[in-house]
Protein backbone atom coordinates (compact mmCIF):
# COMPACT_ATOMS: atom_id res chain seq x y z
CA MET A 1 -8.62 8.38 -5.93
CA SER A 2 -8.69 10.12 -2.50
CA SER A 3 -5.79 11.32 -1.29
CA ASP A 4 -5.04 8.76 1.32
CA VAL A 5 -1.65 7.95 1.57
CA ALA A 6 -2.06 4.83 3.77
CA ALA A 7 -4.03 2.98 1.86
CA ALA A 8 -2.55 0.25 0.81
CA ILE A 9 -5.42 -0.80 -1.81
CA GLU A 10 -8.33 1.41 -3.14
CA LEU A 11 -10.53 0.64 -5.74
CA CYS A 12 -12.77 3.13 -7.30
CA GLY A 13 -16.24 2.43 -8.90
CA LEU A 14 -14.91 -1.23 -9.79
CA CYS A 15 -17.28 -2.61 -12.64
CA ARG A 16 -16.41 -5.99 -14.18
CA VAL A 17 -18.82 -6.75 -16.88
CA LEU A 18 -18.13 -10.18 -19.22
CA PRO A 19 -20.46 -12.24 -22.09
CA SER A 20 -22.49 -15.21 -20.86
CA GLY A 21 -25.36 -16.80 -23.65
CA GLY A 22 -25.93 -13.56 -25.72
CA ARG A 23 -25.93 -11.58 -22.38
CA MET A 24 -24.03 -9.39 -20.52
CA LEU A 25 -23.75 -10.60 -17.63
CA THR A 26 -22.09 -8.08 -13.96
CA ILE A 27 -19.81 -9.66 -11.57
CA LEU A 28 -18.69 -6.83 -9.58
CA ASP A 29 -20.94 -3.57 -9.65
CA GLY A 30 -19.47 -0.19 -8.72
CA ILE A 31 -16.47 -1.47 -5.91
CA ASP A 32 -15.60 1.34 -3.90
CA LEU A 33 -12.92 0.19 -1.55
CA THR A 34 -9.98 1.26 0.60
CA VAL A 35 -7.42 -0.73 2.61
CA ALA A 36 -4.87 0.99 5.21
CA ARG A 37 -0.97 -0.21 5.24
CA GLY A 38 -0.87 -3.48 7.48
CA GLU A 39 -4.53 -4.01 7.76
CA SER A 40 -5.93 -7.98 7.02
CA VAL A 41 -9.79 -8.19 5.69
CA ALA A 42 -11.34 -11.29 4.48
CA VAL A 43 -14.04 -11.05 1.71
CA ILE A 44 -17.02 -13.55 2.30
CA GLY A 45 -20.02 -13.84 -0.16
CA PRO A 46 -21.75 -17.38 -1.27
CA SER A 47 -20.53 -18.68 -4.63
CA GLY A 48 -20.76 -16.47 -7.73
CA SER A 49 -20.75 -13.07 -5.37
CA GLY A 50 -17.44 -12.13 -7.33
CA LYS A 51 -14.80 -12.94 -4.82
CA SER A 52 -12.21 -14.36 -7.12
CA THR A 53 -12.91 -11.47 -9.35
CA LEU A 54 -12.22 -8.88 -6.57
CA LEU A 55 -8.77 -10.70 -6.19
CA GLY A 56 -7.81 -10.81 -9.34
CA LEU A 57 -8.88 -7.02 -10.36
CA ILE A 58 -6.51 -6.09 -7.41
CA ALA A 59 -3.59 -8.18 -8.62
CA GLY A 60 -3.63 -6.80 -11.44
CA LEU A 61 -4.39 -10.30 -13.25
CA ASP A 62 -7.58 -9.39 -14.95
CA ARG A 63 -8.81 -5.61 -16.16
CA PRO A 64 -11.65 -3.92 -14.76
CA SER A 65 -14.95 -2.78 -17.31
CA GLY A 66 -14.59 0.52 -15.12
CA GLY A 67 -13.18 1.99 -12.54
CA SER A 68 -10.01 1.91 -11.20
CA VAL A 69 -7.65 -0.10 -8.78
CA HIS A 70 -4.88 1.71 -7.24
CA ILE A 71 -2.17 -0.23 -5.71
CA HIS A 72 0.04 2.18 -3.03
CA GLY A 73 -1.38 4.83 -4.74
CA GLN A 74 0.02 3.93 -8.15
CA ARG A 75 -2.83 2.60 -10.99
CA ILE A 76 -2.38 -0.32 -11.66
CA ASP A 77 -5.36 -1.22 -14.72
CA THR A 78 -3.70 0.79 -17.03
CA MET A 79 0.00 -0.64 -16.60
CA SER A 80 1.57 -2.75 -19.34
CA GLU A 81 1.47 -6.43 -18.81
CA ASP A 82 5.26 -5.89 -18.27
CA ARG A 83 5.09 -3.26 -15.31
CA LEU A 84 2.37 -5.00 -13.60
CA ALA A 85 4.41 -8.61 -13.74
CA ARG A 86 7.36 -6.85 -11.94
CA LEU A 87 4.52 -5.30 -9.68
CA ARG A 88 3.26 -8.33 -9.17
CA ARG A 89 6.87 -10.57 -8.91
CA GLY A 90 8.06 -7.57 -6.00
CA ARG A 91 5.24 -6.51 -4.26
CA ILE A 92 2.49 -8.64 -4.01
CA GLY A 93 2.37 -12.58 -2.63
CA PHE A 94 -0.03 -15.47 -3.66
CA VAL A 95 -1.49 -17.94 -1.60
CA PHE A 96 -4.38 -20.19 -3.67
CA GLN A 97 -6.56 -23.03 -2.31
CA THR A 98 -5.12 -25.65 -4.91
CA PHE A 99 -1.27 -24.70 -3.49
CA GLN A 100 0.32 -24.33 -7.08
CA LEU A 101 3.14 -25.81 -6.21
CA LEU A 102 5.65 -26.80 -9.25
CA GLY A 103 5.45 -30.71 -9.11
CA ASN A 104 9.77 -30.88 -10.12
CA LEU A 105 10.78 -28.82 -7.60
CA THR A 106 11.41 -29.51 -4.35
CA ALA A 107 9.66 -27.32 -1.50
CA LEU A 108 13.39 -25.31 -1.17
CA GLU A 109 13.21 -24.58 -4.57
CA ASN A 110 9.49 -23.79 -4.83
CA VAL A 111 10.70 -20.64 -1.85
CA ALA A 112 12.87 -19.56 -3.47
CA LEU A 113 12.19 -19.20 -6.85
CA PRO A 114 9.96 -15.65 -6.36
CA LEU A 115 13.67 -14.59 -4.32
CA GLU A 116 15.49 -16.00 -8.07
CA LEU A 117 13.67 -14.00 -10.44
CA THR A 118 14.48 -10.93 -8.68
CA GLY A 119 17.72 -11.59 -9.03
CA ASP A 120 18.92 -12.46 -5.00
CA ARG A 121 21.49 -14.34 -4.78
CA ARG A 122 20.51 -15.18 -1.46
CA ALA A 123 17.54 -16.69 -2.89
CA SER A 124 18.43 -20.04 -1.16
CA GLY A 125 19.07 -18.86 2.23
CA GLY A 126 16.07 -17.01 2.54
CA ALA A 127 13.66 -19.78 1.71
CA ARG A 128 15.48 -21.96 4.10
CA GLN A 129 14.96 -19.92 6.55
CA LEU A 130 10.95 -19.31 5.70
CA LEU A 131 10.72 -23.02 6.15
CA GLU A 132 12.20 -23.57 9.32
CA ALA A 133 9.62 -20.84 10.28
CA VAL A 134 6.70 -22.84 9.31
CA GLY A 135 8.14 -25.97 10.77
CA LEU A 136 9.50 -27.48 7.75
CA GLY A 137 12.97 -27.66 7.58
CA GLU A 138 13.21 -30.97 7.58
CA ARG A 139 11.84 -31.33 4.42
CA THR A 140 13.60 -28.78 2.25
CA HIS A 141 14.30 -31.80 -0.30
CA HIS A 142 10.97 -32.65 -0.81
CA TYR A 143 8.85 -32.91 -3.83
CA PRO A 144 4.89 -31.32 -3.41
CA SER A 145 4.06 -35.64 -4.22
CA GLN A 146 5.68 -36.47 -1.10
CA LEU A 147 3.96 -34.09 1.17
CA SER A 148 0.73 -33.65 2.83
CA GLY A 149 -1.64 -30.91 1.84
CA GLY A 150 -1.62 -29.04 4.65
CA GLU A 151 2.52 -29.50 4.52
CA GLN A 152 1.53 -28.21 1.05
CA GLN A 153 0.11 -25.44 1.74
CA ARG A 154 2.70 -24.27 4.52
CA VAL A 155 5.35 -24.13 1.63
CA ALA A 156 2.80 -22.20 -0.47
CA VAL A 157 2.47 -19.83 2.47
CA ALA A 158 6.29 -19.50 2.64
CA ARG A 159 6.63 -18.82 -0.95
CA ALA A 160 4.04 -16.16 -0.82
CA PHE A 161 6.20 -14.54 1.94
CA SER A 162 9.21 -14.74 0.14
CA PRO A 163 9.96 -11.81 -1.26
CA ASP A 164 9.10 -9.86 1.54
CA PRO A 165 5.82 -8.39 -0.42
CA ASP A 166 3.91 -5.35 1.11
CA ILE A 167 0.32 -6.87 -0.02
CA LEU A 168 -0.69 -10.94 0.46
CA LEU A 169 -3.50 -12.19 -1.43
CA ALA A 170 -5.04 -15.41 -0.68
CA ASP A 171 -7.91 -17.10 -2.54
CA GLU A 172 -9.28 -19.77 -0.02
CA PRO A 173 -6.53 -21.03 1.48
CA THR A 174 -8.02 -23.29 3.98
CA GLY A 175 -10.58 -24.60 1.14
CA ASN A 176 -8.50 -28.05 0.66
CA LEU A 177 -7.37 -28.39 4.06
CA ASP A 178 -9.63 -30.05 6.97
CA SER A 179 -10.33 -27.83 9.49
CA ALA A 180 -7.66 -29.14 12.26
CA THR A 181 -5.31 -28.36 9.26
CA GLY A 182 -7.02 -25.48 8.02
CA ARG A 183 -6.29 -23.76 11.40
CA LEU A 184 -3.07 -24.14 11.47
CA VAL A 185 -2.54 -23.03 8.70
CA LEU A 186 -4.21 -19.59 8.92
CA ASP A 187 -2.27 -18.87 12.41
CA LEU A 188 0.68 -19.13 10.55
CA LEU A 189 -0.68 -16.67 7.83
CA GLU A 190 -1.90 -14.03 10.36
CA ARG A 191 1.49 -14.18 12.50
CA LEU A 192 3.92 -14.41 10.16
CA ARG A 193 1.57 -10.92 8.21
CA SER A 194 1.47 -9.51 11.53
CA ARG A 195 5.16 -9.94 12.17
CA MET A 196 5.89 -8.54 8.95
CA GLY A 197 3.48 -5.81 8.73
CA THR A 198 2.10 -7.15 5.25
CA THR A 199 -1.40 -5.74 3.76
CA MET A 200 -3.45 -8.56 3.50
CA VAL A 201 -7.29 -9.70 1.71
CA LEU A 202 -8.35 -13.14 1.83
CA VAL A 203 -11.20 -14.44 0.05
CA THR A 204 -13.09 -17.15 1.64
CA HIS A 205 -16.68 -18.48 2.40
CA ASP A 206 -16.23 -19.48 6.16
CA ASP A 207 -17.27 -17.28 8.32
CA GLU A 208 -15.10 -18.92 11.27
CA VAL A 209 -11.95 -18.11 9.03
CA ALA A 210 -13.09 -14.47 8.25
CA SER A 211 -13.60 -13.60 11.99
CA ARG A 212 -10.07 -13.55 12.11
CA ALA A 213 -9.44 -10.70 9.85
CA ALA A 214 -9.67 -7.04 11.01
CA SER A 215 -12.71 -6.46 9.15
CA ARG A 216 -14.91 -8.34 6.81
CA ILE A 217 -16.52 -7.27 3.55
CA TYR A 218 -19.86 -9.53 2.42
CA LEU A 219 -20.13 -9.22 -1.63
CA ARG A 220 -23.66 -9.92 -2.53
CA ASP A 221 -24.18 -10.07 -6.43
CA GLY A 222 -21.43 -7.99 -7.23
CA ARG A 223 -21.84 -5.46 -4.57
CA ILE A 224 -20.48 -4.87 -1.11
CA VAL A 225 -23.38 -5.28 1.57
CA VAL A 226 -21.74 -5.37 4.70
CA ARG A 227 -18.09 -3.97 5.93
CA GLU A 228 -17.63 -4.98 9.99
CA ALA A 229 -15.24 -5.63 12.15
CA GLY A 230 -13.89 -9.22 12.65
CA GLU A 231 -12.12 -10.43 15.82
CA GLY A 232 -9.14 -9.57 14.26
CA ALA A 233 -9.81 -5.87 14.54
CA GLY A 234 -7.04 -3.47 15.74
CA GLN A 235 -4.26 -5.58 14.83
CA ALA A 236 -3.45 -3.72 11.55
CA ALA A 237 -2.32 -0.70 13.78
CA THR A 238 0.51 -2.66 15.85
CA ALA A 239 1.54 -4.60 12.68
CA GLY A 240 2.24 -1.27 10.57
CA GLU A 241 4.19 0.28 13.67
CA GLY A 242 7.82 1.47 12.95
CA GLY A 243 7.32 1.98 9.16
CA GLY A 244 8.27 -1.38 7.67
CA HIS A 245 8.51 -5.25 7.61
CA ASP A 246 9.90 -7.39 10.43
CA GLN A 247 10.95 -10.93 11.25
CA PRO A 248 8.82 -13.46 10.98
CA GLN A 249 8.49 -15.46 13.85
CA PRO A 250 8.95 -19.71 13.60
CA ALA A 251 5.57 -21.30 13.73
CA ALA A 252 4.67 -23.20 17.05
CA GLU A 253 2.61 -26.09 14.97
CA ALA A 254 2.33 -29.49 15.96
CA GLY A 255 5.59 -31.06 15.30
CA ALA A 256 7.46 -28.13 14.72
CA SER A 257 10.71 -26.75 16.40
CA PRO A 258 10.82 -23.85 17.02
CA SER A 259 14.17 -21.80 15.70
CA PRO A 260 14.94 -17.83 15.11
CA VAL A 261 14.21 -16.53 12.02
CA ALA A 262 16.66 -13.49 10.47
CA ARG A 263 15.47 -13.54 7.27
CA GLY A 264 18.58 -13.51 4.60
CA ALA A 265 16.65 -12.08 1.49
CA GLY A 266 15.39 -8.82 0.44
CA ARG A 267 13.03 -7.30 -1.48
């Protein structure tokens, strides 16, 4: 590992090989990647290029066949499952294509859950403020089945940010949304990420989505073939100034009334 203390994520010679039909299939092949604190990075490539596998390895949800994964200087691919669970609970947020909300919990309960798991007694208040920030202050007691796809993804975004994570991992967050709703969700993601100084790695197959990030990484056949600046280049340094996370601002989405947000729950 390099001595870059500013790195939020550092991957060194990362490989993932799996058995497939009597042979070994290489999913990732020698990935070297450093993501600075507060940076937003989009990973783009065709189906089967290894995008989601890469995200799973960064999160510690999978183990590499070779190489190493460091999060803020800590090597995680050799950690025990208990240590990995604690790391994910407090430092890594997730946004999935399929929302992954718990159907038997209200929007408020879904967002509060990560805070409750850390023992935060202010979980309900913090969750309510985040739902207001994503324009769902009037939908706190609705269940996922009572919400549209776009509303469910906004709840999922609020949940991802509720433990004030250092790193946010988003796997095709607009994949199940129409283009207009997808843009609203991306605006929301970037607004919260920028204000809170969160490092983000976003997986997508959509060039328009990827262009919003500070840098874009193109994967093909398990290898990085190109890394280039996106439209969001330069925002990471601005977001990271001050050395800590800031308070999220309310979302200016359709039908959302802006309201000040003061985070009621810390990590």
